[in-house]
């Protein structure tokens, strides 16, 4: 079992940067792939980024096309934390951002993840 708590959201202007953090409890953090999803008002939850589990020598990351080149996902297994560095933010990035976890492999569909945080609000003004 893993519990997730996001932080780092806020109100910024277009072009600014934010770094979201997701702290996880549990001793097997490195066994989990971590994902970031977001949900804007009136829209479905959508995939943002994911990073593979920590058991291999190389981490694999995947990004939605809408954030590729602007967002970077990373993890620190020693701190049980996954990060989402968001640069060049746009008003359309405004949403509640959720951290999610699933065993081993990354996935783009939200239903593949069994563990979720409570979300953190990101608002980008134009």
Foldseek 3Di string as FASTA:
>chain_A
DKAKAKDWADEEAAQAKTKMKIAMDDDQLLQKKKFKWWDDPPGDIFGAKIWFHNPDPDIDMDGDPVQPPFWDWDDDVVRRMIMIIGGRDDQVVWTWMKMFIDGGDDDGDPVRTDYIYPTDTHGYHD
